[in-house]
Protein backbone atom coordinates (compact mmCIF):
# COMPACT_ATOMS: atom_id res chain seq x y z
CA UNK A 1 63.07 -110.49 -8.85
CA UNK A 2 63.88 -113.76 -10.58
CA UNK A 3 61.62 -115.79 -8.30
CA UNK A 4 58.58 -113.74 -9.32
CA UNK A 5 59.49 -114.03 -13.00
CA UNK A 6 59.90 -117.79 -12.64
CA UNK A 7 56.56 -117.99 -10.89
CA UNK A 8 54.83 -116.37 -13.88
CA UNK A 9 56.83 -118.45 -16.37
CA UNK A 10 55.75 -121.65 -14.61
CA UNK A 11 52.13 -120.49 -14.68
CA UNK A 12 52.19 -120.54 -18.49
CA UNK A 13 52.04 -124.38 -18.88
CA UNK A 14 48.82 -124.29 -16.85
CA UNK A 15 47.22 -122.52 -19.84
CA UNK A 16 47.25 -125.88 -21.63
CA UNK A 17 44.82 -127.36 -19.08
CA UNK A 18 41.21 -127.07 -20.11
CA UNK A 19 39.67 -125.54 -16.98
CA UNK A 20 42.62 -123.68 -15.51
CA UNK A 21 41.13 -120.16 -15.73
CA UNK A 22 40.27 -119.58 -12.06
CA UNK A 23 43.30 -121.56 -10.88
CA UNK A 24 45.64 -119.20 -12.75
CA UNK A 25 43.55 -116.27 -11.55
CA UNK A 26 44.02 -117.31 -7.90
CA UNK A 27 47.73 -117.99 -8.34
CA UNK A 28 48.19 -114.56 -9.94
CA UNK A 29 46.61 -112.92 -6.89
CA UNK A 30 48.79 -115.06 -4.65
CA UNK A 31 51.93 -113.91 -6.48
CA UNK A 32 50.73 -110.29 -6.23
CA UNK A 33 50.40 -110.60 -2.46
CA UNK A 34 53.76 -112.35 -2.11
CA UNK A 35 55.36 -109.58 -4.16
CA UNK A 36 53.63 -106.95 -2.03
CA UNK A 37 54.82 -108.48 1.24
CA UNK A 38 58.40 -109.14 0.11
CA UNK A 39 59.29 -105.50 -0.31
CA UNK A 40 62.78 -104.88 1.02
CA UNK A 41 64.15 -101.38 1.39
CA UNK A 42 63.04 -99.14 -1.42
CA UNK A 43 65.58 -96.37 -1.65
CA UNK A 44 68.31 -98.07 -3.58
CA UNK A 45 68.79 -100.74 -6.23
CA UNK A 46 69.48 -103.31 -3.58
CA UNK A 47 67.43 -106.15 -5.09
CA UNK A 48 70.03 -106.28 -7.76
CA UNK A 49 71.23 -108.97 -10.14
CA UNK A 50 73.12 -109.07 -13.41
CA UNK A 51 70.18 -107.84 -15.44
CA UNK A 52 67.32 -107.01 -13.11
CA UNK A 53 66.92 -104.81 -10.11
CA UNK A 54 64.02 -103.20 -8.32
CA UNK A 55 64.09 -99.78 -6.80
CA UNK A 56 61.45 -97.51 -5.42
CA UNK A 57 59.87 -96.49 -8.72
CA UNK A 58 59.92 -99.95 -10.29
CA UNK A 59 58.48 -101.70 -7.26
CA UNK A 60 55.27 -99.67 -7.35
CA UNK A 61 54.81 -100.12 -11.09
CA UNK A 62 55.54 -103.87 -11.07
CA UNK A 63 53.05 -104.30 -8.25
CA UNK A 64 50.52 -102.34 -10.32
CA UNK A 65 51.22 -104.65 -13.30
CA UNK A 66 50.66 -107.76 -11.17
CA UNK A 67 47.45 -106.36 -9.75
CA UNK A 68 45.97 -105.16 -13.05
CA UNK A 69 46.85 -108.43 -14.84
CA UNK A 70 45.14 -110.42 -12.09
CA UNK A 71 42.07 -108.19 -12.39
CA UNK A 72 42.15 -108.54 -16.20
CA UNK A 73 41.55 -112.27 -15.90
CA UNK A 74 38.74 -111.55 -13.47
CA UNK A 75 37.11 -108.97 -15.73
CA UNK A 76 37.29 -111.15 -18.84
CA UNK A 77 34.96 -113.79 -17.45
CA UNK A 78 32.93 -113.62 -20.67
CA UNK A 79 35.93 -114.99 -22.61
CA UNK A 80 35.95 -118.01 -20.30
CA UNK A 81 32.19 -118.53 -20.18
CA UNK A 82 31.87 -118.41 -23.96
CA UNK A 83 35.01 -120.62 -24.33
CA UNK A 84 36.47 -118.09 -26.74
CA UNK A 85 40.05 -119.42 -26.91
CA UNK A 86 40.44 -118.77 -23.20
CA UNK A 87 43.74 -120.71 -22.97
CA UNK A 88 45.45 -118.52 -25.57
CA UNK A 89 43.96 -115.47 -23.87
CA UNK A 90 45.50 -116.36 -20.51
CA UNK A 91 48.80 -117.08 -22.18
CA UNK A 92 48.73 -113.59 -23.71
CA UNK A 93 48.06 -112.01 -20.32
CA UNK A 94 50.91 -113.92 -18.67
CA UNK A 95 53.29 -113.12 -21.51
CA UNK A 96 52.37 -109.45 -21.25
CA UNK A 97 52.97 -109.54 -17.49
CA UNK A 98 56.44 -111.07 -18.00
CA UNK A 99 57.32 -108.34 -20.51
CA UNK A 100 56.09 -105.58 -18.20
CA UNK A 101 57.94 -106.93 -15.16
CA UNK A 102 61.13 -107.24 -17.18
CA UNK A 103 60.84 -103.72 -18.58
CA UNK A 104 60.22 -102.15 -15.17
CA UNK A 105 63.00 -104.17 -13.53
CA UNK A 106 65.69 -103.96 -16.17
CA UNK A 107 68.88 -102.13 -15.30
CA UNK A 108 70.15 -101.71 -18.82
CA UNK A 109 68.63 -99.19 -21.21
CA UNK A 110 68.78 -101.65 -24.08
CA UNK A 111 66.95 -104.43 -22.27
CA UNK A 112 64.40 -101.84 -21.13
CA UNK A 113 63.91 -100.83 -24.76
CA UNK A 114 63.50 -104.45 -25.93
CA UNK A 115 60.88 -105.32 -23.30
CA UNK A 116 59.22 -101.92 -23.76
CA UNK A 117 58.65 -102.80 -27.43
CA UNK A 118 57.85 -106.46 -26.77
CA UNK A 119 54.93 -105.47 -24.56
CA UNK A 120 53.23 -104.12 -27.68
CA UNK A 121 52.93 -107.56 -29.28
CA UNK A 122 50.57 -109.24 -26.77
CA UNK A 123 48.55 -106.00 -26.54
CA UNK A 124 48.13 -105.98 -30.30
CA UNK A 125 47.09 -109.64 -30.27
CA UNK A 126 44.58 -108.96 -27.50
CA UNK A 127 43.02 -106.15 -29.56
CA UNK A 128 43.00 -108.15 -32.80
CA UNK A 129 41.88 -111.44 -31.26
CA UNK A 130 39.27 -110.43 -28.71
CA UNK A 131 38.26 -106.91 -29.86
CA UNK A 132 34.68 -106.06 -30.79
CA UNK A 133 34.36 -104.22 -34.11
CA UNK A 134 36.03 -104.86 -37.46
CA UNK A 135 37.83 -101.51 -37.05
CA UNK A 136 40.12 -103.18 -34.53
CA UNK A 137 42.56 -103.96 -37.35
CA UNK A 138 42.97 -100.26 -38.06
CA UNK A 139 43.31 -99.52 -34.34
CA UNK A 140 46.03 -102.17 -34.00
CA UNK A 141 47.95 -100.72 -36.94
CA UNK A 142 47.67 -97.24 -35.40
CA UNK A 143 49.02 -98.56 -32.12
CA UNK A 144 51.98 -100.36 -33.70
CA UNK A 145 52.98 -97.66 -36.15
CA UNK A 146 52.71 -94.71 -33.79
CA UNK A 147 54.81 -96.44 -31.17
CA UNK A 148 57.34 -98.06 -33.48
CA UNK A 149 57.81 -94.96 -35.60
CA UNK A 150 58.60 -92.91 -32.51
CA UNK A 151 60.81 -95.44 -30.80
CA UNK A 152 63.09 -96.50 -33.65
CA UNK A 153 65.12 -93.26 -33.33
CA UNK A 154 65.48 -94.10 -29.63
CA UNK A 155 67.25 -97.35 -30.55
CA UNK A 156 69.77 -95.44 -32.67
CA UNK A 157 70.30 -93.00 -29.82
CA UNK A 158 70.97 -95.90 -27.44
CA UNK A 159 73.69 -97.22 -29.78
CA UNK A 160 75.17 -93.72 -29.77
CA UNK A 161 75.12 -93.60 -25.96
CA UNK A 162 76.83 -96.99 -25.86
CA UNK A 163 79.58 -95.93 -28.26
CA UNK A 164 80.11 -92.80 -26.17
CA UNK A 165 80.28 -94.18 -22.61
CA UNK A 166 80.53 -97.96 -23.25
CA UNK A 167 77.68 -98.87 -20.95
CA UNK A 168 73.89 -98.68 -20.86
CA UNK A 169 73.64 -99.53 -17.16
CA UNK A 170 71.26 -97.08 -15.44
CA UNK A 171 73.33 -96.08 -12.39
CA UNK A 172 76.43 -95.45 -14.52
CA UNK A 173 74.76 -93.09 -16.99
CA UNK A 174 75.79 -89.47 -16.71
CA UNK A 175 74.69 -86.18 -18.22
CA UNK A 176 75.76 -85.68 -21.81
CA UNK A 177 75.73 -81.90 -21.52
CA UNK A 178 74.82 -80.06 -24.72
CA UNK A 179 75.56 -83.07 -26.90
CA UNK A 180 73.18 -82.23 -29.72
CA UNK A 181 69.55 -81.29 -29.91
CA UNK A 182 68.18 -84.21 -31.98
CA UNK A 183 69.71 -86.62 -29.45
CA UNK A 184 67.44 -85.10 -26.80
CA UNK A 185 64.36 -85.08 -29.07
CA UNK A 186 64.75 -88.72 -30.13
CA UNK A 187 65.40 -89.77 -26.56
CA UNK A 188 62.21 -88.23 -25.23
CA UNK A 189 59.90 -88.65 -28.24
CA UNK A 190 59.40 -92.41 -27.86
CA UNK A 191 58.21 -91.96 -24.30
CA UNK A 192 56.02 -88.96 -25.08
CA UNK A 193 54.18 -90.95 -27.77
CA UNK A 194 53.75 -93.83 -25.35
CA UNK A 195 52.38 -91.57 -22.59
CA UNK A 196 50.68 -90.24 -24.91
CA UNK A 197 51.24 -86.50 -25.22
CA UNK A 198 48.72 -84.28 -27.00
CA UNK A 199 49.26 -84.25 -30.83
CA UNK A 200 50.55 -87.84 -30.79
CA UNK A 201 47.62 -89.26 -28.82
CA UNK A 202 45.37 -90.39 -31.67
CA UNK A 203 46.26 -94.07 -31.36
CA UNK A 204 45.03 -94.24 -27.75
CA UNK A 205 41.26 -93.59 -28.12
CA UNK A 206 41.18 -95.83 -31.20
CA UNK A 207 42.96 -98.67 -29.42
CA UNK A 208 40.77 -98.30 -26.32
CA UNK A 209 37.47 -98.27 -28.18
CA UNK A 210 38.33 -101.38 -30.19
CA UNK A 211 40.11 -103.32 -27.43
CA UNK A 212 38.35 -105.91 -25.27
CA UNK A 213 37.99 -105.02 -21.60
CA UNK A 214 41.31 -106.67 -20.71
CA UNK A 215 43.11 -104.73 -23.45
CA UNK A 216 41.66 -101.45 -22.20
CA UNK A 217 42.59 -102.24 -18.61
CA UNK A 218 46.22 -103.05 -19.36
CA UNK A 219 46.54 -100.10 -21.78
CA UNK A 220 45.19 -97.57 -19.31
CA UNK A 221 46.59 -99.28 -16.24
CA UNK A 222 50.17 -100.09 -17.11
CA UNK A 223 51.24 -99.46 -20.71
CA UNK A 224 50.80 -95.69 -20.46
CA UNK A 225 53.02 -95.77 -17.37
CA UNK A 226 55.94 -97.23 -19.37
CA UNK A 227 56.39 -93.82 -20.98
CA UNK A 228 56.55 -92.00 -17.65
CA UNK A 229 58.93 -94.58 -16.22
CA UNK A 230 61.18 -94.25 -19.30
CA UNK A 231 61.30 -90.44 -19.03
CA UNK A 232 62.21 -90.77 -15.34
CA UNK A 233 65.05 -93.16 -16.20
CA UNK A 234 66.62 -91.26 -19.11
CA UNK A 235 66.40 -87.85 -17.44
CA UNK A 236 69.91 -88.37 -16.04
CA UNK A 237 71.36 -88.36 -19.58
CA UNK A 238 69.51 -85.36 -20.94
CA UNK A 239 69.10 -83.12 -17.89
CA UNK A 240 71.35 -80.36 -19.29
CA UNK A 241 69.37 -80.11 -22.53
CA UNK A 242 66.20 -80.68 -20.53
CA UNK A 243 66.77 -77.48 -18.59
CA UNK A 244 66.93 -75.65 -21.92
CA UNK A 245 64.10 -77.26 -23.89
CA UNK A 246 61.72 -78.94 -21.46
CA UNK A 247 59.54 -75.82 -21.34
CA UNK A 248 58.33 -76.60 -24.87
CA UNK A 249 57.06 -80.14 -24.11
CA UNK A 250 55.75 -79.02 -20.77
CA UNK A 251 53.67 -76.16 -22.11
CA UNK A 252 52.51 -78.27 -25.08
CA UNK A 253 51.35 -81.15 -22.92
CA UNK A 254 49.60 -78.93 -20.36
CA UNK A 255 47.76 -76.84 -22.93
CA UNK A 256 47.05 -80.07 -24.84
CA UNK A 257 45.51 -81.47 -21.67
CA UNK A 258 43.04 -78.57 -21.60
CA UNK A 259 42.16 -79.09 -25.29
CA UNK A 260 41.66 -82.82 -24.70
CA UNK A 261 39.35 -81.95 -21.79
CA UNK A 262 37.22 -80.00 -24.28
CA UNK A 263 37.24 -83.03 -26.59
CA UNK A 264 35.93 -85.09 -23.65
CA UNK A 265 32.75 -83.00 -23.47
CA UNK A 266 31.88 -83.96 -27.04
CA UNK A 267 32.20 -87.72 -26.64
CA UNK A 268 29.15 -89.95 -26.79
CA UNK A 269 31.08 -93.20 -26.46
CA UNK A 270 31.78 -94.12 -22.83
CA UNK A 271 35.07 -95.82 -23.55
CA UNK A 272 36.43 -93.04 -25.71
CA UNK A 273 35.51 -90.47 -23.03
CA UNK A 274 37.52 -92.42 -20.43
CA UNK A 275 40.37 -92.80 -22.94
CA UNK A 276 40.55 -89.08 -23.64
CA UNK A 277 40.42 -88.36 -19.91
CA UNK A 278 43.55 -90.49 -19.48
CA UNK A 279 45.31 -88.29 -22.05
CA UNK A 280 44.36 -85.26 -19.95
CA UNK A 281 45.65 -86.90 -16.75
CA UNK A 282 48.89 -88.03 -18.39
CA UNK A 283 49.54 -84.45 -19.55
CA UNK A 284 49.97 -83.49 -15.90
CA UNK A 285 52.30 -86.45 -15.35
CA UNK A 286 54.46 -85.33 -18.29
CA UNK A 287 54.50 -81.82 -16.83
CA UNK A 288 55.62 -83.07 -13.43
CA UNK A 289 58.35 -85.33 -14.83
CA UNK A 290 59.79 -82.64 -17.09
CA UNK A 291 60.12 -80.11 -14.27
CA UNK A 292 62.77 -82.57 -13.02
CA UNK A 293 62.22 -81.86 -9.33
CA UNK A 294 61.44 -84.21 -6.47
CA UNK A 295 57.81 -83.17 -6.07
CA UNK A 296 57.25 -83.73 -9.76
CA UNK A 297 58.82 -87.19 -9.93
CA UNK A 298 57.14 -88.55 -6.82
CA UNK A 299 53.83 -86.87 -7.65
CA UNK A 300 53.85 -88.34 -11.12
CA UNK A 301 54.49 -91.78 -9.61
CA UNK A 302 51.49 -91.47 -7.30
CA UNK A 303 49.26 -90.09 -10.06
CA UNK A 304 50.36 -92.91 -12.38
CA UNK A 305 49.44 -95.55 -9.78
CA UNK A 306 46.18 -93.78 -8.93
CA UNK A 307 45.19 -93.26 -12.55
CA UNK A 308 46.09 -96.87 -13.39
CA UNK A 309 43.66 -98.23 -10.82
CA UNK A 310 40.99 -95.60 -11.40
CA UNK A 311 40.71 -95.62 -15.20
CA UNK A 312 41.00 -99.40 -15.22
CA UNK A 313 37.99 -99.52 -12.88
CA UNK A 314 36.04 -97.10 -15.08
CA UNK A 315 36.72 -99.28 -18.12
CA UNK A 316 35.40 -102.26 -16.15
CA UNK A 317 32.22 -100.32 -15.39
CA UNK A 318 31.69 -99.36 -19.01
CA UNK A 319 32.25 -102.99 -19.99
CA UNK A 320 29.69 -104.21 -17.44
CA UNK A 321 27.09 -101.96 -19.09
CA UNK A 322 28.28 -103.01 -22.56
CA UNK A 323 27.78 -106.70 -21.70
CA UNK A 324 24.20 -105.94 -20.62
CA UNK A 325 23.05 -103.59 -23.38
CA UNK A 326 25.45 -104.29 -26.24
CA UNK A 327 26.21 -100.59 -26.64
CA UNK A 328 28.64 -98.07 -25.21
CA UNK A 329 26.75 -95.01 -26.43
CA UNK A 330 25.73 -92.50 -23.76
CA UNK A 331 22.45 -92.01 -25.64
CA UNK A 332 21.46 -95.60 -24.90
CA UNK A 333 23.16 -95.98 -21.52
CA UNK A 334 21.09 -93.27 -19.83
CA UNK A 335 19.30 -93.69 -16.52
CA UNK A 336 21.26 -96.73 -15.42
CA UNK A 337 20.49 -95.91 -11.78
CA UNK A 338 16.94 -97.16 -12.43
CA UNK A 339 18.13 -100.50 -13.77
CA UNK A 340 21.32 -101.13 -11.81
CA UNK A 341 21.05 -99.01 -8.65
CA UNK A 342 23.90 -100.71 -6.76
CA UNK A 343 26.24 -100.25 -9.75
CA UNK A 344 25.58 -96.50 -9.57
CA UNK A 345 27.44 -96.42 -6.25
CA UNK A 346 30.55 -97.81 -7.93
CA UNK A 347 30.16 -95.35 -10.78
CA UNK A 348 30.07 -92.59 -8.19
CA UNK A 349 33.07 -93.87 -6.21
CA UNK A 350 35.33 -94.35 -9.23
CA UNK A 351 34.18 -91.11 -10.90
CA UNK A 352 34.95 -89.16 -7.75
CA UNK A 353 38.42 -90.70 -7.67
CA UNK A 354 38.85 -89.78 -11.33
CA UNK A 355 38.24 -86.12 -10.55
CA UNK A 356 40.83 -86.37 -7.75
CA UNK A 357 38.44 -86.13 -4.84
CA UNK A 358 39.79 -87.14 -1.43
CA UNK A 359 40.64 -89.74 -0.18
CA UNK A 360 42.02 -91.03 -3.49
CA UNK A 361 45.59 -91.44 -4.60
CA UNK A 362 44.87 -89.14 -7.55
CA UNK A 363 44.44 -86.25 -5.11
CA UNK A 364 47.93 -86.75 -3.64
CA UNK A 365 49.39 -87.00 -7.14
CA UNK A 366 47.62 -83.93 -8.46
CA UNK A 367 48.47 -81.81 -5.42
CA UNK A 368 52.16 -82.58 -5.67
CA UNK A 369 52.12 -82.07 -9.45
CA UNK A 370 50.46 -78.68 -8.91
CA UNK A 371 53.27 -77.91 -6.47
CA UNK A 372 55.97 -78.99 -8.85
CA UNK A 373 54.62 -77.29 -11.99
CA UNK A 374 53.84 -74.07 -10.11
CA UNK A 375 57.35 -74.00 -8.66
CA UNK A 376 58.68 -74.33 -12.20
CA UNK A 377 56.64 -71.40 -13.49
CA UNK A 378 53.97 -69.52 -11.60
CA UNK A 379 52.23 -68.60 -14.85
CA UNK A 380 51.25 -72.21 -15.39
CA UNK A 381 48.48 -71.72 -12.83
CA UNK A 382 46.24 -70.50 -15.67
CA UNK A 383 46.40 -73.86 -17.43
CA UNK A 384 46.32 -75.90 -14.22
CA UNK A 385 43.12 -74.17 -13.07
CA UNK A 386 41.40 -75.23 -16.29
CA UNK A 387 42.84 -78.76 -16.16
CA UNK A 388 41.60 -79.40 -12.62
CA UNK A 389 38.22 -77.79 -13.20
CA UNK A 390 37.50 -79.52 -16.51
CA UNK A 391 38.55 -82.92 -15.21
CA UNK A 392 35.74 -82.57 -12.66
CA UNK A 393 33.36 -81.32 -15.36
CA UNK A 394 33.76 -84.16 -17.85
CA UNK A 395 33.70 -86.79 -15.10
CA UNK A 396 30.45 -85.32 -13.77
CA UNK A 397 29.11 -85.23 -17.32
CA UNK A 398 29.91 -88.91 -17.75
CA UNK A 399 28.45 -89.88 -14.38
CA UNK A 400 25.25 -87.84 -14.56
CA UNK A 401 24.57 -88.70 -18.21
CA UNK A 402 25.01 -92.43 -17.75
CA UNK A 403 23.24 -92.76 -14.39
CA UNK A 404 20.43 -90.20 -14.42
CA UNK A 405 17.59 -89.39 -16.78
CA UNK A 406 14.96 -91.69 -18.25
CA UNK A 407 16.38 -94.94 -19.49
CA UNK A 408 16.27 -96.10 -23.10
CA UNK A 409 12.93 -97.80 -23.83
CA UNK A 410 14.56 -100.50 -25.95
CA UNK A 411 16.07 -102.04 -22.83
CA UNK A 412 13.70 -104.81 -21.77
CA UNK A 413 15.73 -106.47 -19.08
CA UNK A 414 18.96 -105.70 -17.31
CA UNK A 415 20.35 -107.95 -14.62
CA UNK A 416 22.09 -106.51 -11.60
CA UNK A 417 25.82 -107.05 -11.19
CA UNK A 418 27.33 -110.41 -10.38
CA UNK A 419 29.43 -110.93 -7.27
CA UNK A 420 32.49 -111.24 -9.55
CA UNK A 421 31.87 -107.72 -10.89
CA UNK A 422 31.39 -106.12 -7.47
CA UNK A 423 34.52 -107.87 -6.25
CA UNK A 424 36.41 -106.62 -9.31
CA UNK A 425 35.33 -103.02 -8.72
CA UNK A 426 36.12 -103.26 -5.01
CA UNK A 427 39.65 -104.45 -5.80
CA UNK A 428 40.13 -101.38 -8.00
CA UNK A 429 38.65 -98.89 -5.58
CA UNK A 430 39.98 -100.16 -2.25
CA UNK A 431 43.75 -99.94 -2.97
CA UNK A 432 43.17 -96.60 -4.73
CA UNK A 433 41.72 -95.07 -1.57
CA UNK A 434 43.57 -97.00 1.13
CA UNK A 435 46.97 -95.97 -0.30
CA UNK A 436 46.07 -92.39 0.60
CA UNK A 437 46.70 -93.34 4.24
CA UNK A 438 50.21 -94.38 3.27
CA UNK A 439 50.96 -91.25 1.28
CA UNK A 440 54.37 -90.80 2.88
CA UNK A 441 55.41 -93.88 0.90
CA UNK A 442 55.27 -91.72 -2.22
CA UNK A 443 57.26 -88.87 -0.68
CA UNK A 444 60.11 -90.42 1.24
């Protein structure tokens, strides 16, 4: 693990060079491929050191972080072409990647917490520095305060765990039994806000709408997955209380997912529609994790990977249109198939993956989550029917509204996509659909 971290750390001085953008971009892809090839066995924490170790769950999420961060640099070509502090921008991306790798690979709960919080800082700076509207300040404050307010109690709980069992090392944690109720709530609340669960999701659409394309990609792609990873890791401490109280969070997040799907129908902003759809998808991930069975944990992993690639690709598409027309409103972005016919294919491919059509990774994830939640309670089929149906409905609404119809007469010219953009979309879509062939990886 250390060699990959050192590789990223030694990439950071390259930011000082004036034209190092594409060099760093290529080296990031190189490190992604090296990381992908150097997978050892993935059942146990056998890539283990004093502080860092990679197991099955972490490997997939670190690889996703590498991949999305490489694609972020690719998508933010406009920052480079307009020379808009591109060196600082790349430094932020690399710093964020270091924080994410450390948080997914840490073996101690405290170091996980520190890196989990530290990943907020570069995200906030990306939103404040390269965001679009003046409201980005408010969005940044929302992001920081929601997450910090929820995760400060977690820090206190970690101190309590340490005083109780004298270690915060993941494999040595054991179930606390019926310790006390607030312990369980504080433990899980930080991760539920990060996911985000319905009722504490308001920071997410705000942050997405104001963030630059790179901020949206990393938010949707990786930062939402930190919450799921954290729940998976701390389940071993709170499983006794979880059996008693998980039904509350589970039913809240699933019914919240249906309500958020209704909110999706009313959106006219492309980015905020995609952001709300991630809340709906994450509600199923929360449901699967809190059932605490094997189907649920592995299904939530595959849905997290699938959703990370898919929603990141959709944000890239909305940004491509935004760079052409200067607007994200569906009222202006109508009939794009007339102006950018080849882009409509990518809209179709990524939208179909978003509604969990085969052969995408989202399908594998959703099927196993359906299995896991139905095995937990057969009555949940009522909510799951609506969730699956509405996810198809709002994705179709987004696709048909933005691609079909007569286009806005104020658009005089609209260039087709660049090779960079097609390449970017291909690198989102290809792993998303090719991993379906390797689905046994997610269910060993």
